[in-house]
Amino acid sequence: GLETVIHYAGTLPGYGSIGAADQLFVAD
């Protein structure tokens, strides 16, 4: 199954605030 490792509330390290319409793209 899945288990929670970490989560970020409000902001991301070195990036800033998470926006309401932010888009994520998975990439190595």
mmCIF file of all heavy atoms, coordinates in Angstrom:
data_MODEL
# 
_entry.id   MODEL 
# 
loop_
_atom_site.group_PDB 
_atom_site.id 
_atom_site.type_symbol 
_atom_site.label_atom_id 
_atom_site.label_alt_id 
_atom_site.label_comp_id 
_atom_site.label_asym_id 
_atom_site.label_entity_id 
_atom_site.label_seq_id 
_atom_site.pdbx_PDB_ins_code 
_atom_site.Cartn_x 
_atom_site.Cartn_y 
_atom_site.Cartn_z 
_atom_site.occupancy 
_atom_site.B_iso_or_equiv 
_atom_site.pdbx_formal_charge 
_atom_site.auth_seq_id 
_atom_site.auth_comp_id 
_atom_site.auth_asym_id 
_atom_site.auth_atom_id 
_atom_site.pdbx_PDB_model_num 
ATOM 1   N N   . GLY A 1 1  ? 0.823  -1.198 0.000   1.00 0.00 ? 1  GLY A N   1 
ATOM 2   C CA  . GLY A 1 1  ? 0.000  0.000  0.000   1.00 0.00 ? 1  GLY A CA  1 
ATOM 3   C C   . GLY A 1 1  ? 0.853  1.243  0.000   1.00 0.00 ? 1  GLY A C   1 
ATOM 4   O O   . GLY A 1 1  ? 2.026  1.215  -0.365  1.00 0.00 ? 1  GLY A O   1 
ATOM 5   N N   . LEU A 1 2  ? 0.255  2.351  0.427   1.00 0.00 ? 2  LEU A N   1 
ATOM 6   C CA  . LEU A 1 2  ? 0.932  3.637  0.462   1.00 0.00 ? 2  LEU A CA  1 
ATOM 7   C C   . LEU A 1 2  ? 1.049  4.117  1.904   1.00 0.00 ? 2  LEU A C   1 
ATOM 8   O O   . LEU A 1 2  ? 0.213  3.806  2.759   1.00 0.00 ? 2  LEU A O   1 
ATOM 9   C CB  . LEU A 1 2  ? 0.150  4.675  -0.352  1.00 0.00 ? 2  LEU A CB  1 
ATOM 10  C CG  . LEU A 1 2  ? -0.066 4.355  -1.829  1.00 0.00 ? 2  LEU A CG  1 
ATOM 11  C CD1 . LEU A 1 2  ? -0.973 5.400  -2.470  1.00 0.00 ? 2  LEU A CD1 1 
ATOM 12  C CD2 . LEU A 1 2  ? 1.258  4.266  -2.573  1.00 0.00 ? 2  LEU A CD2 1 
ATOM 13  N N   . GLU A 1 3  ? 2.087  4.874  2.173   1.00 0.00 ? 3  GLU A N   1 
ATOM 14  C CA  . GLU A 1 3  ? 2.315  5.454  3.489   1.00 0.00 ? 3  GLU A CA  1 
ATOM 15  C C   . GLU A 1 3  ? 2.859  6.858  3.319   1.00 0.00 ? 3  GLU A C   1 
ATOM 16  O O   . GLU A 1 3  ? 3.620  7.142  2.387   1.00 0.00 ? 3  GLU A O   1 
ATOM 17  C CB  . GLU A 1 3  ? 3.292  4.585  4.299   1.00 0.00 ? 3  GLU A CB  1 
ATOM 18  C CG  . GLU A 1 3  ? 4.586  4.293  3.580   1.00 0.00 ? 3  GLU A CG  1 
ATOM 19  C CD  . GLU A 1 3  ? 5.405  3.185  4.215   1.00 0.00 ? 3  GLU A CD  1 
ATOM 20  O OE1 . GLU A 1 3  ? 4.825  2.350  4.937   1.00 0.00 ? 3  GLU A OE1 1 
ATOM 21  O OE2 . GLU A 1 3  ? 6.635  3.158  3.993   1.00 0.00 ? 3  GLU A OE2 1 
ATOM 22  N N   . THR A 1 4  ? 2.442  7.766  4.197   1.00 0.00 ? 4  THR A N   1 
ATOM 23  C CA  . THR A 1 4  ? 2.807  9.167  4.071   1.00 0.00 ? 4  THR A CA  1 
ATOM 24  C C   . THR A 1 4  ? 4.239  9.398  4.549   1.00 0.00 ? 4  THR A C   1 
ATOM 25  O O   . THR A 1 4  ? 4.599  9.029  5.672   1.00 0.00 ? 4  THR A O   1 
ATOM 26  C CB  . THR A 1 4  ? 1.853  10.060 4.880   1.00 0.00 ? 4  THR A CB  1 
ATOM 27  O OG1 . THR A 1 4  ? 0.514  9.780  4.483   1.00 0.00 ? 4  THR A OG1 1 
ATOM 28  C CG2 . THR A 1 4  ? 2.154  11.526 4.641   1.00 0.00 ? 4  THR A CG2 1 
ATOM 29  N N   . VAL A 1 5  ? 5.038  10.016 3.686   1.00 0.00 ? 5  VAL A N   1 
ATOM 30  C CA  . VAL A 1 5  ? 6.429  10.324 4.026   1.00 0.00 ? 5  VAL A CA  1 
ATOM 31  C C   . VAL A 1 5  ? 6.555  11.755 4.520   1.00 0.00 ? 5  VAL A C   1 
ATOM 32  O O   . VAL A 1 5  ? 7.195  12.031 5.531   1.00 0.00 ? 5  VAL A O   1 
ATOM 33  C CB  . VAL A 1 5  ? 7.344  10.089 2.807   1.00 0.00 ? 5  VAL A CB  1 
ATOM 34  C CG1 . VAL A 1 5  ? 8.769  10.539 3.091   1.00 0.00 ? 5  VAL A CG1 1 
ATOM 35  C CG2 . VAL A 1 5  ? 7.320  8.622  2.406   1.00 0.00 ? 5  VAL A CG2 1 
ATOM 36  N N   . ILE A 1 6  ? 5.948  12.685 3.779   1.00 0.00 ? 6  ILE A N   1 
ATOM 37  C CA  . ILE A 1 6  ? 6.053  14.103 4.137   1.00 0.00 ? 6  ILE A CA  1 
ATOM 38  C C   . ILE A 1 6  ? 4.954  14.852 3.430   1.00 0.00 ? 6  ILE A C   1 
ATOM 39  O O   . ILE A 1 6  ? 4.402  14.382 2.430   1.00 0.00 ? 6  ILE A O   1 
ATOM 40  C CB  . ILE A 1 6  ? 7.443  14.679 3.745   1.00 0.00 ? 6  ILE A CB  1 
ATOM 41  C CG1 . ILE A 1 6  ? 7.708  16.011 4.458   1.00 0.00 ? 6  ILE A CG1 1 
ATOM 42  C CG2 . ILE A 1 6  ? 7.567  14.824 2.226   1.00 0.00 ? 6  ILE A CG2 1 
ATOM 43  C CD1 . ILE A 1 6  ? 9.137  16.498 4.335   1.00 0.00 ? 6  ILE A CD1 1 
ATOM 44  N N   . HIS A 1 7  ? 4.579  16.010 3.959   1.00 0.00 ? 7  HIS A N   1 
ATOM 45  C CA  . HIS A 1 7  ? 3.778  16.930 3.164   1.00 0.00 ? 7  HIS A CA  1 
ATOM 46  C C   . HIS A 1 7  ? 4.132  18.362 3.508   1.00 0.00 ? 7  HIS A C   1 
ATOM 47  O O   . HIS A 1 7  ? 4.649  18.670 4.580   1.00 0.00 ? 7  HIS A O   1 
ATOM 48  C CB  . HIS A 1 7  ? 2.281  16.655 3.271   1.00 0.00 ? 7  HIS A CB  1 
ATOM 49  C CG  . HIS A 1 7  ? 1.676  16.872 4.624   1.00 0.00 ? 7  HIS A CG  1 
ATOM 50  N ND1 . HIS A 1 7  ? 1.538  18.110 5.187   1.00 0.00 ? 7  HIS A ND1 1 
ATOM 51  C CD2 . HIS A 1 7  ? 1.141  16.006 5.503   1.00 0.00 ? 7  HIS A CD2 1 
ATOM 52  C CE1 . HIS A 1 7  ? 0.948  18.001 6.357   1.00 0.00 ? 7  HIS A CE1 1 
ATOM 53  N NE2 . HIS A 1 7  ? 0.707  16.721 6.584   1.00 0.00 ? 7  HIS A NE2 1 
ATOM 54  N N   . TYR A 1 8  ? 3.865  19.207 2.543   1.00 0.00 ? 8  TYR A N   1 
ATOM 55  C CA  . TYR A 1 8  ? 4.206  20.617 2.645   1.00 0.00 ? 8  TYR A CA  1 
ATOM 56  C C   . TYR A 1 8  ? 2.922  21.422 2.740   1.00 0.00 ? 8  TYR A C   1 
ATOM 57  O O   . TYR A 1 8  ? 2.016  21.265 1.923   1.00 0.00 ? 8  TYR A O   1 
ATOM 58  C CB  . TYR A 1 8  ? 5.019  21.063 1.437   1.00 0.00 ? 8  TYR A CB  1 
ATOM 59  C CG  . TYR A 1 8  ? 6.313  20.288 1.287   1.00 0.00 ? 8  TYR A CG  1 
ATOM 60  C CD1 . TYR A 1 8  ? 6.397  19.222 0.403   1.00 0.00 ? 8  TYR A CD1 1 
ATOM 61  C CD2 . TYR A 1 8  ? 7.432  20.617 2.051   1.00 0.00 ? 8  TYR A CD2 1 
ATOM 62  C CE1 . TYR A 1 8  ? 7.573  18.502 0.273   1.00 0.00 ? 8  TYR A CE1 1 
ATOM 63  C CE2 . TYR A 1 8  ? 8.613  19.902 1.925   1.00 0.00 ? 8  TYR A CE2 1 
ATOM 64  C CZ  . TYR A 1 8  ? 8.677  18.842 1.037   1.00 0.00 ? 8  TYR A CZ  1 
ATOM 65  O OH  . TYR A 1 8  ? 9.843  18.122 0.918   1.00 0.00 ? 8  TYR A OH  1 
ATOM 66  N N   . ALA A 1 9  ? 2.848  22.296 3.729   1.00 0.00 ? 9  ALA A N   1 
ATOM 67  C CA  . ALA A 1 9  ? 1.660  23.105 3.971   1.00 0.00 ? 9  ALA A CA  1 
ATOM 68  C C   . ALA A 1 9  ? 1.914  24.533 3.518   1.00 0.00 ? 9  ALA A C   1 
ATOM 69  O O   . ALA A 1 9  ? 2.758  25.229 4.082   1.00 0.00 ? 9  ALA A O   1 
ATOM 70  C CB  . ALA A 1 9  ? 1.304  23.088 5.455   1.00 0.00 ? 9  ALA A CB  1 
ATOM 71  N N   . GLY A 1 10 ? 1.220  24.940 2.459   1.00 0.00 ? 10 GLY A N   1 
ATOM 72  C CA  . GLY A 1 10 ? 1.273  26.334 2.039   1.00 0.00 ? 10 GLY A CA  1 
ATOM 73  C C   . GLY A 1 10 ? 2.425  26.697 1.142   1.00 0.00 ? 10 GLY A C   1 
ATOM 74  O O   . GLY A 1 10 ? 2.240  27.359 0.125   1.00 0.00 ? 10 GLY A O   1 
ATOM 75  N N   . THR A 1 11 ? 3.638  26.292 1.507   1.00 0.00 ? 11 THR A N   1 
ATOM 76  C CA  . THR A 1 11 ? 4.824  26.668 0.743   1.00 0.00 ? 11 THR A CA  1 
ATOM 77  C C   . THR A 1 11 ? 5.710  25.452 0.484   1.00 0.00 ? 11 THR A C   1 
ATOM 78  O O   . THR A 1 11 ? 5.628  24.450 1.193   1.00 0.00 ? 11 THR A O   1 
ATOM 79  C CB  . THR A 1 11 ? 5.651  27.732 1.483   1.00 0.00 ? 11 THR A CB  1 
ATOM 80  O OG1 . THR A 1 11 ? 6.096  27.193 2.743   1.00 0.00 ? 11 THR A OG1 1 
ATOM 81  C CG2 . THR A 1 11 ? 4.835  28.988 1.728   1.00 0.00 ? 11 THR A CG2 1 
ATOM 82  N N   . LEU A 1 12 ? 6.560  25.569 -0.530  1.00 0.00 ? 12 LEU A N   1 
ATOM 83  C CA  . LEU A 1 12 ? 7.519  24.525 -0.876  1.00 0.00 ? 12 LEU A CA  1 
ATOM 84  C C   . LEU A 1 12 ? 8.921  25.043 -0.646  1.00 0.00 ? 12 LEU A C   1 
ATOM 85  O O   . LEU A 1 12 ? 9.212  26.223 -0.913  1.00 0.00 ? 12 LEU A O   1 
ATOM 86  C CB  . LEU A 1 12 ? 7.345  24.115 -2.340  1.00 0.00 ? 12 LEU A CB  1 
ATOM 87  C CG  . LEU A 1 12 ? 5.989  23.525 -2.705  1.00 0.00 ? 12 LEU A CG  1 
ATOM 88  C CD1 . LEU A 1 12 ? 5.877  23.325 -4.206  1.00 0.00 ? 12 LEU A CD1 1 
ATOM 89  C CD2 . LEU A 1 12 ? 5.764  22.204 -1.979  1.00 0.00 ? 12 LEU A CD2 1 
ATOM 90  N N   . PRO A 1 13 ? 9.836  24.198 -0.156  1.00 0.00 ? 13 PRO A N   1 
ATOM 91  C CA  . PRO A 1 13 ? 11.196 24.657 0.165   1.00 0.00 ? 13 PRO A CA  1 
ATOM 92  C C   . PRO A 1 13 ? 11.882 25.274 -1.040  1.00 0.00 ? 13 PRO A C   1 
ATOM 93  O O   . PRO A 1 13 ? 12.045 24.635 -2.081  1.00 0.00 ? 13 PRO A O   1 
ATOM 94  C CB  . PRO A 1 13 ? 11.917 23.379 0.608   1.00 0.00 ? 13 PRO A CB  1 
ATOM 95  C CG  . PRO A 1 13 ? 10.842 22.410 0.948   1.00 0.00 ? 13 PRO A CG  1 
ATOM 96  C CD  . PRO A 1 13 ? 9.658  22.763 0.125   1.00 0.00 ? 13 PRO A CD  1 
ATOM 97  N N   . GLY A 1 14 ? 12.262 26.538 -0.918  1.00 0.00 ? 14 GLY A N   1 
ATOM 98  C CA  . GLY A 1 14 ? 13.004 27.217 -1.974  1.00 0.00 ? 14 GLY A CA  1 
ATOM 99  C C   . GLY A 1 14 ? 12.171 27.696 -3.128  1.00 0.00 ? 14 GLY A C   1 
ATOM 100 O O   . GLY A 1 14 ? 12.685 28.362 -4.037  1.00 0.00 ? 14 GLY A O   1 
ATOM 101 N N   . TYR A 1 15 ? 10.881 27.379 -3.140  1.00 0.00 ? 15 TYR A N   1 
ATOM 102 C CA  . TYR A 1 15 ? 10.022 27.776 -4.260  1.00 0.00 ? 15 TYR A CA  1 
ATOM 103 C C   . TYR A 1 15 ? 9.084  28.906 -3.870  1.00 0.00 ? 15 TYR A C   1 
ATOM 104 O O   . TYR A 1 15 ? 8.957  29.900 -4.575  1.00 0.00 ? 15 TYR A O   1 
ATOM 105 C CB  . TYR A 1 15 ? 9.214  26.572 -4.752  1.00 0.00 ? 15 TYR A CB  1 
ATOM 106 C CG  . TYR A 1 15 ? 8.318  26.906 -5.932  1.00 0.00 ? 15 TYR A CG  1 
ATOM 107 C CD1 . TYR A 1 15 ? 8.800  26.837 -7.228  1.00 0.00 ? 15 TYR A CD1 1 
ATOM 108 C CD2 . TYR A 1 15 ? 6.987  27.296 -5.738  1.00 0.00 ? 15 TYR A CD2 1 
ATOM 109 C CE1 . TYR A 1 15 ? 7.994  27.164 -8.309  1.00 0.00 ? 15 TYR A CE1 1 
ATOM 110 C CE2 . TYR A 1 15 ? 6.173  27.618 -6.809  1.00 0.00 ? 15 TYR A CE2 1 
ATOM 111 C CZ  . TYR A 1 15 ? 6.675  27.552 -8.086  1.00 0.00 ? 15 TYR A CZ  1 
ATOM 112 O OH  . TYR A 1 15 ? 5.878  27.876 -9.155  1.00 0.00 ? 15 TYR A OH  1 
ATOM 113 N N   . GLY A 1 16 ? 8.396  28.761 -2.751  1.00 0.00 ? 16 GLY A N   1 
ATOM 114 C CA  . GLY A 1 16 ? 7.418  29.744 -2.338  1.00 0.00 ? 16 GLY A CA  1 
ATOM 115 C C   . GLY A 1 16 ? 6.054  29.117 -2.182  1.00 0.00 ? 16 GLY A C   1 
ATOM 116 O O   . GLY A 1 16 ? 5.908  27.909 -1.992  1.00 0.00 ? 16 GLY A O   1 
ATOM 117 N N   . SER A 1 17 ? 5.039  29.958 -2.303  1.00 0.00 ? 17 SER A N   1 
ATOM 118 C CA  . SER A 1 17 ? 3.677  29.534 -2.019  1.00 0.00 ? 17 SER A CA  1 
ATOM 119 C C   . SER A 1 17 ? 3.122  28.627 -3.113  1.00 0.00 ? 17 SER A C   1 
ATOM 120 O O   . SER A 1 17 ? 3.410  28.808 -4.299  1.00 0.00 ? 17 SER A O   1 
ATOM 121 C CB  . SER A 1 17 ? 2.768  30.754 -1.870  1.00 0.00 ? 17 SER A CB  1 
ATOM 122 O OG  . SER A 1 17 ? 3.174  31.553 -0.779  1.00 0.00 ? 17 SER A OG  1 
ATOM 123 N N   . ILE A 1 18 ? 2.330  27.664 -2.681  1.00 0.00 ? 18 ILE A N   1 
ATOM 124 C CA  . ILE A 1 18 ? 1.583  26.822 -3.612  1.00 0.00 ? 18 ILE A CA  1 
ATOM 125 C C   . ILE A 1 18 ? 0.378  27.610 -4.090  1.00 0.00 ? 18 ILE A C   1 
ATOM 126 O O   . ILE A 1 18 ? -0.377 28.173 -3.284  1.00 0.00 ? 18 ILE A O   1 
ATOM 127 C CB  . ILE A 1 18 ? 1.128  25.521 -2.935  1.00 0.00 ? 18 ILE A CB  1 
ATOM 128 C CG1 . ILE A 1 18 ? 2.319  24.736 -2.390  1.00 0.00 ? 18 ILE A CG1 1 
ATOM 129 C CG2 . ILE A 1 18 ? 0.318  24.658 -3.900  1.00 0.00 ? 18 ILE A CG2 1 
ATOM 130 C CD1 . ILE A 1 18 ? 1.931  23.565 -1.506  1.00 0.00 ? 18 ILE A CD1 1 
ATOM 131 N N   . GLY A 1 19 ? 0.175  27.681 -5.407  1.00 0.00 ? 19 GLY A N   1 
ATOM 132 C CA  . GLY A 1 19 ? -0.924 28.449 -5.974  1.00 0.00 ? 19 GLY A CA  1 
ATOM 133 C C   . GLY A 1 19 ? -2.151 27.608 -6.234  1.00 0.00 ? 19 GLY A C   1 
ATOM 134 O O   . GLY A 1 19 ? -2.076 26.382 -6.389  1.00 0.00 ? 19 GLY A O   1 
ATOM 135 N N   . ALA A 1 20 ? -3.301 28.269 -6.321  1.00 0.00 ? 20 ALA A N   1 
ATOM 136 C CA  . ALA A 1 20 ? -4.565 27.560 -6.493  1.00 0.00 ? 20 ALA A CA  1 
ATOM 137 C C   . ALA A 1 20 ? -4.647 26.825 -7.819  1.00 0.00 ? 20 ALA A C   1 
ATOM 138 O O   . ALA A 1 20 ? -5.322 25.791 -7.928  1.00 0.00 ? 20 ALA A O   1 
ATOM 139 C CB  . ALA A 1 20 ? -5.724 28.547 -6.381  1.00 0.00 ? 20 ALA A CB  1 
ATOM 140 N N   . ALA A 1 21 ? -3.976 27.337 -8.865  1.00 0.00 ? 21 ALA A N   1 
ATOM 141 C CA  . ALA A 1 21 ? -4.055 26.727 -10.196 1.00 0.00 ? 21 ALA A CA  1 
ATOM 142 C C   . ALA A 1 21 ? -2.724 26.123 -10.626 1.00 0.00 ? 21 ALA A C   1 
ATOM 143 O O   . ALA A 1 21 ? -2.504 25.899 -11.823 1.00 0.00 ? 21 ALA A O   1 
ATOM 144 C CB  . ALA A 1 21 ? -4.524 27.761 -11.213 1.00 0.00 ? 21 ALA A CB  1 
ATOM 145 N N   . ASP A 1 22 ? -1.842 25.832 -9.678  1.00 0.00 ? 22 ASP A N   1 
ATOM 146 C CA  . ASP A 1 22 ? -0.529 25.274 -10.019 1.00 0.00 ? 22 ASP A CA  1 
ATOM 147 C C   . ASP A 1 22 ? -0.671 23.927 -10.729 1.00 0.00 ? 22 ASP A C   1 
ATOM 148 O O   . ASP A 1 22 ? -1.560 23.133 -10.419 1.00 0.00 ? 22 ASP A O   1 
ATOM 149 C CB  . ASP A 1 22 ? 0.325  25.093 -8.760  1.00 0.00 ? 22 ASP A CB  1 
ATOM 150 C CG  . ASP A 1 22 ? 0.917  26.409 -8.282  1.00 0.00 ? 22 ASP A CG  1 
ATOM 151 O OD1 . ASP A 1 22 ? 0.642  27.442 -8.907  1.00 0.00 ? 22 ASP A OD1 1 
ATOM 152 O OD2 . ASP A 1 22 ? 1.644  26.389 -7.275  1.00 0.00 ? 22 ASP A OD2 1 
ATOM 153 N N   . GLN A 1 23 ? 0.252  23.674 -11.662 1.00 0.00 ? 23 GLN A N   1 
ATOM 154 C CA  . GLN A 1 23 ? 0.273  22.421 -12.415 1.00 0.00 ? 23 GLN A CA  1 
ATOM 155 C C   . GLN A 1 23 ? 1.576  21.683 -12.139 1.00 0.00 ? 23 GLN A C   1 
ATOM 156 O O   . GLN A 1 23 ? 2.646  22.290 -12.147 1.00 0.00 ? 23 GLN A O   1 
ATOM 157 C CB  . GLN A 1 23 ? 0.151  22.691 -13.909 1.00 0.00 ? 23 GLN A CB  1 
ATOM 158 C CG  . GLN A 1 23 ? -1.112 23.411 -14.317 1.00 0.00 ? 23 GLN A CG  1 
ATOM 159 C CD  . GLN A 1 23 ? -1.116 23.732 -15.789 1.00 0.00 ? 23 GLN A CD  1 
ATOM 160 O OE1 . GLN A 1 23 ? -0.899 22.865 -16.637 1.00 0.00 ? 23 GLN A OE1 1 
ATOM 161 N NE2 . GLN A 1 23 ? -1.361 24.995 -16.108 1.00 0.00 ? 23 GLN A NE2 1 
ATOM 162 N N   . LEU A 1 24 ? 1.462  20.369 -11.907 1.00 0.00 ? 24 LEU A N   1 
ATOM 163 C CA  . LEU A 1 24 ? 2.630  19.520 -11.696 1.00 0.00 ? 24 LEU A CA  1 
ATOM 164 C C   . LEU A 1 24 ? 2.862  18.634 -12.911 1.00 0.00 ? 24 LEU A C   1 
ATOM 165 O O   . LEU A 1 24 ? 1.910  18.139 -13.519 1.00 0.00 ? 24 LEU A O   1 
ATOM 166 C CB  . LEU A 1 24 ? 2.443  18.638 -10.461 1.00 0.00 ? 24 LEU A CB  1 
ATOM 167 C CG  . LEU A 1 24 ? 2.464  19.314 -9.090  1.00 0.00 ? 24 LEU A CG  1 
ATOM 168 C CD1 . LEU A 1 24 ? 2.206  18.274 -7.999  1.00 0.00 ? 24 LEU A CD1 1 
ATOM 169 C CD2 . LEU A 1 24 ? 3.779  20.017 -8.841  1.00 0.00 ? 24 LEU A CD2 1 
ATOM 170 N N   . PHE A 1 25 ? 4.141  18.408 -13.234 1.00 0.00 ? 25 PHE A N   1 
ATOM 171 C CA  . PHE A 1 25 ? 4.528  17.519 -14.322 1.00 0.00 ? 25 PHE A CA  1 
ATOM 172 C C   . PHE A 1 25 ? 5.615  16.584 -13.802 1.00 0.00 ? 25 PHE A C   1 
ATOM 173 O O   . PHE A 1 25 ? 6.646  17.038 -13.301 1.00 0.00 ? 25 PHE A O   1 
ATOM 174 C CB  . PHE A 1 25 ? 5.050  18.316 -15.525 1.00 0.00 ? 25 PHE A CB  1 
ATOM 175 C CG  . PHE A 1 25 ? 4.046  19.296 -16.067 1.00 0.00 ? 25 PHE A CG  1 
ATOM 176 C CD1 . PHE A 1 25 ? 4.002  20.605 -15.591 1.00 0.00 ? 25 PHE A CD1 1 
ATOM 177 C CD2 . PHE A 1 25 ? 3.137  18.912 -17.033 1.00 0.00 ? 25 PHE A CD2 1 
ATOM 178 C CE1 . PHE A 1 25 ? 3.072  21.507 -16.082 1.00 0.00 ? 25 PHE A CE1 1 
ATOM 179 C CE2 . PHE A 1 25 ? 2.203  19.804 -17.539 1.00 0.00 ? 25 PHE A CE2 1 
ATOM 180 C CZ  . PHE A 1 25 ? 2.164  21.108 -17.056 1.00 0.00 ? 25 PHE A CZ  1 
ATOM 181 N N   . VAL A 1 26 ? 5.359  15.281 -13.893 1.00 0.00 ? 26 VAL A N   1 
ATOM 182 C CA  . VAL A 1 26 ? 6.311  14.284 -13.413 1.00 0.00 ? 26 VAL A CA  1 
ATOM 183 C C   . VAL A 1 26 ? 7.432  14.144 -14.422 1.00 0.00 ? 26 VAL A C   1 
ATOM 184 O O   . VAL A 1 26 ? 7.199  13.950 -15.625 1.00 0.00 ? 26 VAL A O   1 
ATOM 185 C CB  . VAL A 1 26 ? 5.614  12.931 -13.197 1.00 0.00 ? 26 VAL A CB  1 
ATOM 186 C CG1 . VAL A 1 26 ? 6.626  11.845 -12.850 1.00 0.00 ? 26 VAL A CG1 1 
ATOM 187 C CG2 . VAL A 1 26 ? 4.560  13.046 -12.105 1.00 0.00 ? 26 VAL A CG2 1 
ATOM 188 N N   . ALA A 1 27 ? 8.691  14.216 -13.938 1.00 0.00 ? 27 ALA A N   1 
ATOM 189 C CA  . ALA A 1 27 ? 9.837  14.171 -14.852 1.00 0.00 ? 27 ALA A CA  1 
ATOM 190 C C   . ALA A 1 27 ? 11.101 13.871 -14.069 1.00 0.00 ? 27 ALA A C   1 
ATOM 191 O O   . ALA A 1 27 ? 11.330 14.448 -13.005 1.00 0.00 ? 27 ALA A O   1 
ATOM 192 C CB  . ALA A 1 27 ? 9.996  15.509 -15.563 1.00 0.00 ? 27 ALA A CB  1 
ATOM 193 N N   . ASP A 1 28 ? 11.929 12.980 -14.585 1.00 0.00 ? 28 ASP A N   1 
ATOM 194 C CA  . ASP A 1 28 ? 13.266 12.761 -14.009 1.00 0.00 ? 28 ASP A CA  1 
ATOM 195 C C   . ASP A 1 28 ? 14.225 13.707 -14.723 1.00 0.00 ? 28 ASP A C   1 
ATOM 196 O O   . ASP A 1 28 ? 14.905 13.336 -15.664 1.00 0.00 ? 28 ASP A O   1 
ATOM 197 C CB  . ASP A 1 28 ? 13.688 11.301 -14.191 1.00 0.00 ? 28 ASP A CB  1 
ATOM 198 C CG  . ASP A 1 28 ? 15.069 11.021 -13.598 1.00 0.00 ? 28 ASP A CG  1 
ATOM 199 O OD1 . ASP A 1 28 ? 15.613 11.909 -12.898 1.00 0.00 ? 28 ASP A OD1 1 
ATOM 200 O OD2 . ASP A 1 28 ? 15.602 9.927  -13.847 1.00 0.00 ? 28 ASP A OD2 1 
# 
